C-alpha cells in the first residue's frame, strides 16, 4: 500500500511539474501553443492521478503532495534546467519529505 502511494505521488509530481514546465516553456520561452497544450493535458492527468491514492481524504493527500512537489521541483530543476540546489534547498526538501511521511504513513 505504501509503495503504491509513493509511486502515485511520483507520477503526480512528474505530471504536475512537467505540465507546469511545458506551459512555462510555451509562454516564457516562446515555444508555442503545442507546448502549452501539452502542459495543460499533463496538469489534467496530475489531477486524475491524485484521485488514485489509497487514502480517501482529499485534504490529507493534497497536503502531503505539497511536500512531494517541493522536493520534486528541486529535482526537476537539477535534471532538466541545470539548477544547483544549495544545502538549504536540500535540507528544506528533506524536511518536506519527512512531513509527507508523517502525514501519510503515520499509524492511525
C-alpha atoms as a PDB file:
ATOM      1  CA  UNK A   1       0.000   0.000   0.000  1.00  0.00           C
ATOM      2  CA  UNK A   2       2.812   2.439   0.869  1.00  0.00           C
ATOM      3  CA  UNK A   3       4.728   1.540  -2.297  1.00  0.00           C
ATOM      4  CA  UNK A   4       1.640   2.203  -4.408  1.00  0.00           C
ATOM      5  CA  UNK A   5       1.139   5.563  -2.703  1.00  0.00           C
ATOM      6  CA  UNK A   6       4.779   6.580  -3.232  1.00  0.00           C
ATOM      7  CA  UNK A   7       4.625   5.612  -6.917  1.00  0.00           C
ATOM      8  CA  UNK A   8       1.416   7.627  -7.341  1.00  0.00           C
ATOM      9  CA  UNK A   9       3.000  10.649  -5.657  1.00  0.00           C
ATOM     10  CA  UNK A  10       5.993  10.373  -8.013  1.00  0.00           C
ATOM     11  CA  UNK A  11       3.727  10.092 -11.066  1.00  0.00           C
ATOM     12  CA  UNK A  12       1.617  13.028  -9.878  1.00  0.00           C
ATOM     13  CA  UNK A  13       4.776  15.104  -9.408  1.00  0.00           C
ATOM     14  CA  UNK A  14       6.001  14.213 -12.880  1.00  0.00           C
ATOM     15  CA  UNK A  15       2.669  15.262 -14.401  1.00  0.00           C
ATOM     16  CA  UNK A  16       2.231  18.487 -12.426  1.00  0.00           C
ATOM     17  CA  UNK A  17       5.800  19.715 -12.534  1.00  0.00           C
ATOM     18  CA  UNK A  18       6.251  18.592 -16.133  1.00  0.00           C
ATOM     19  CA  UNK A  19       2.957  20.194 -17.123  1.00  0.00           C
ATOM     20  CA  UNK A  20       3.832  23.475 -15.457  1.00  0.00           C
ATOM     21  CA  UNK A  21       7.269  23.369 -17.097  1.00  0.00           C
ATOM     22  CA  UNK A  22       5.708  22.829 -20.527  1.00  0.00           C
ATOM     23  CA  UNK A  23       3.394  25.809 -20.033  1.00  0.00           C
ATOM     24  CA  UNK A  24       6.385  27.857 -18.831  1.00  0.00           C
ATOM     25  CA  UNK A  25       8.362  26.875 -21.911  1.00  0.00           C
ATOM     26  CA  UNK A  26       5.440  27.624 -24.211  1.00  0.00           C
ATOM     27  CA  UNK A  27       4.853  31.091 -22.768  1.00  0.00           C
ATOM     28  CA  UNK A  28       8.164  32.321 -21.342  1.00  0.00           C
ATOM     29  CA  UNK A  29      10.437  30.714 -23.910  1.00  0.00           C
ATOM     30  CA  UNK A  30       8.024  31.326 -26.821  1.00  0.00           C
ATOM     31  CA  UNK A  31       7.826  27.675 -27.842  1.00  0.00           C
ATOM     32  CA  UNK A  32       4.184  27.932 -28.781  1.00  0.00           C
ATOM     33  CA  UNK A  33       0.751  26.523 -28.256  1.00  0.00           C
ATOM     34  CA  UNK A  34       1.705  22.863 -28.654  1.00  0.00           C
ATOM     35  CA  UNK A  35       3.929  23.101 -25.584  1.00  0.00           C
ATOM     36  CA  UNK A  36       1.219  24.938 -23.681  1.00  0.00           C
ATOM     37  CA  UNK A  37      -1.412  22.391 -24.738  1.00  0.00           C
ATOM     38  CA  UNK A  38       0.824  19.509 -23.703  1.00  0.00           C
ATOM     39  CA  UNK A  39       1.299  21.181 -20.341  1.00  0.00           C
ATOM     40  CA  UNK A  40      -2.434  21.634 -19.840  1.00  0.00           C
ATOM     41  CA  UNK A  41      -3.022  17.956 -20.634  1.00  0.00           C
ATOM     42  CA  UNK A  42      -0.288  16.865 -18.210  1.00  0.00           C
ATOM     43  CA  UNK A  43      -1.793  19.064 -15.493  1.00  0.00           C
ATOM     44  CA  UNK A  44      -5.159  17.400 -16.077  1.00  0.00           C
ATOM     45  CA  UNK A  45      -3.548  13.963 -15.785  1.00  0.00           C
ATOM     46  CA  UNK A  46      -1.995  15.071 -12.494  1.00  0.00           C
ATOM     47  CA  UNK A  47      -5.465  15.842 -11.148  1.00  0.00           C
ATOM     48  CA  UNK A  48      -6.635  12.374 -12.111  1.00  0.00           C
ATOM     49  CA  UNK A  49      -3.581  10.579 -10.689  1.00  0.00           C
ATOM     50  CA  UNK A  50      -4.119  12.235  -7.298  1.00  0.00           C
ATOM     51  CA  UNK A  51      -7.538  10.564  -7.071  1.00  0.00           C
ATOM     52  CA  UNK A  52      -5.904   7.115  -7.233  1.00  0.00           C
ATOM     53  CA  UNK A  53      -4.226   7.462  -3.829  1.00  0.00           C
ATOM     54  CA  UNK A  54      -5.387   4.756  -1.378  1.00  0.00           C
ATOM     55  CA  UNK A  55      -6.317   7.320   1.305  1.00  0.00           C
ATOM     56  CA  UNK A  56      -9.772   8.814   0.771  1.00  0.00           C
ATOM     57  CA  UNK A  57      -9.123  12.231   2.354  1.00  0.00           C
ATOM     58  CA  UNK A  58      -8.585  14.972  -0.229  1.00  0.00           C
ATOM     59  CA  UNK A  59      -7.042  17.403   2.243  1.00  0.00           C
ATOM     60  CA  UNK A  60      -4.521  14.864   3.512  1.00  0.00           C
ATOM     61  CA  UNK A  61      -3.487  13.818   0.008  1.00  0.00           C
ATOM     62  CA  UNK A  62      -3.035  17.380  -1.228  1.00  0.00           C
ATOM     63  CA  UNK A  63      -1.232  18.490   1.931  1.00  0.00           C
ATOM     64  CA  UNK A  64       1.197  15.588   1.675  1.00  0.00           C
ATOM     65  CA  UNK A  65       1.615  16.106  -2.054  1.00  0.00           C
ATOM     66  CA  UNK A  66       2.773  19.655  -1.308  1.00  0.00           C
ATOM     67  CA  UNK A  67       5.938  18.197   0.205  1.00  0.00           C
ATOM     68  CA  UNK A  68       6.434  15.892  -2.760  1.00  0.00           C
ATOM     69  CA  UNK A  69       6.000  18.895  -5.057  1.00  0.00           C
ATOM     70  CA  UNK A  70       8.711  20.867  -3.236  1.00  0.00           C
ATOM     71  CA  UNK A  71      11.265  18.051  -3.461  1.00  0.00           C
ATOM     72  CA  UNK A  72      10.205  17.108  -6.984  1.00  0.00           C
ATOM     73  CA  UNK A  73      10.501  20.681  -8.224  1.00  0.00           C
ATOM     74  CA  UNK A  74      14.071  20.903  -6.996  1.00  0.00           C
ATOM     75  CA  UNK A  75      14.876  17.539  -8.592  1.00  0.00           C
ATOM     76  CA  UNK A  76      13.278  18.668 -11.882  1.00  0.00           C
ATOM     77  CA  UNK A  77      15.426  21.787 -11.809  1.00  0.00           C
ATOM     78  CA  UNK A  78      18.560  19.687 -11.359  1.00  0.00           C
ATOM     79  CA  UNK A  79      17.691  17.173 -14.076  1.00  0.00           C
ATOM     80  CA  UNK A  80      16.117  19.459 -16.674  1.00  0.00           C
ATOM     81  CA  UNK A  81      17.270  23.038 -16.092  1.00  0.00           C
ATOM     82  CA  UNK A  82      20.775  22.615 -14.677  1.00  0.00           C
ATOM     83  CA  UNK A  83      19.757  24.093 -11.304  1.00  0.00           C
ATOM     84  CA  UNK A  84      22.238  23.532  -8.489  1.00  0.00           C
ATOM     85  CA  UNK A  85      20.461  23.410  -5.117  1.00  0.00           C
ATOM     86  CA  UNK A  86      22.387  24.569  -2.097  1.00  0.00           C
ATOM     87  CA  UNK A  87      22.403  22.765   1.231  1.00  0.00           C
ATOM     88  CA  UNK A  88      19.396  24.730   2.459  1.00  0.00           C
ATOM     89  CA  UNK A  89      17.378  23.668  -0.582  1.00  0.00           C
ATOM     90  CA  UNK A  90      18.276  20.047   0.154  1.00  0.00           C
ATOM     91  CA  UNK A  91      17.534  20.376   3.877  1.00  0.00           C
ATOM     92  CA  UNK A  92      14.199  22.028   3.114  1.00  0.00           C
ATOM     93  CA  UNK A  93      13.252  19.267   0.674  1.00  0.00           C
ATOM     94  CA  UNK A  94      14.139  16.595   3.238  1.00  0.00           C
ATOM     95  CA  UNK A  95      12.029  18.352   5.877  1.00  0.00           C
ATOM     96  CA  UNK A  96       9.124  18.421   3.414  1.00  0.00           C
ATOM     97  CA  UNK A  97       9.512  14.722   2.660  1.00  0.00           C
ATOM     98  CA  UNK A  98       9.604  13.960   6.377  1.00  0.00           C
ATOM     99  CA  UNK A  99       6.309  15.844   6.628  1.00  0.00           C
ATOM    100  CA  UNK A 100       4.880  13.721   3.826  1.00  0.00           C
ATOM    101  CA  UNK A 101       5.859  10.566   5.705  1.00  0.00           C
ATOM    102  CA  UNK A 102       4.217  11.787   8.918  1.00  0.00           C
ATOM    103  CA  UNK A 103       1.024  12.950   7.199  1.00  0.00           C
ATOM    104  CA  UNK A 104       0.559   9.879   5.015  1.00  0.00           C
ATOM    105  CA  UNK A 105       2.145   6.937   6.730  1.00  0.00           C
ATOM    106  CA  UNK A 106       1.939   7.507  10.496  1.00  0.00           C
ATOM    107  CA  UNK A 107      -0.103   4.815  12.229  1.00  0.00           C
ATOM    108  CA  UNK A 108      -3.672   5.884  12.862  1.00  0.00           C
END
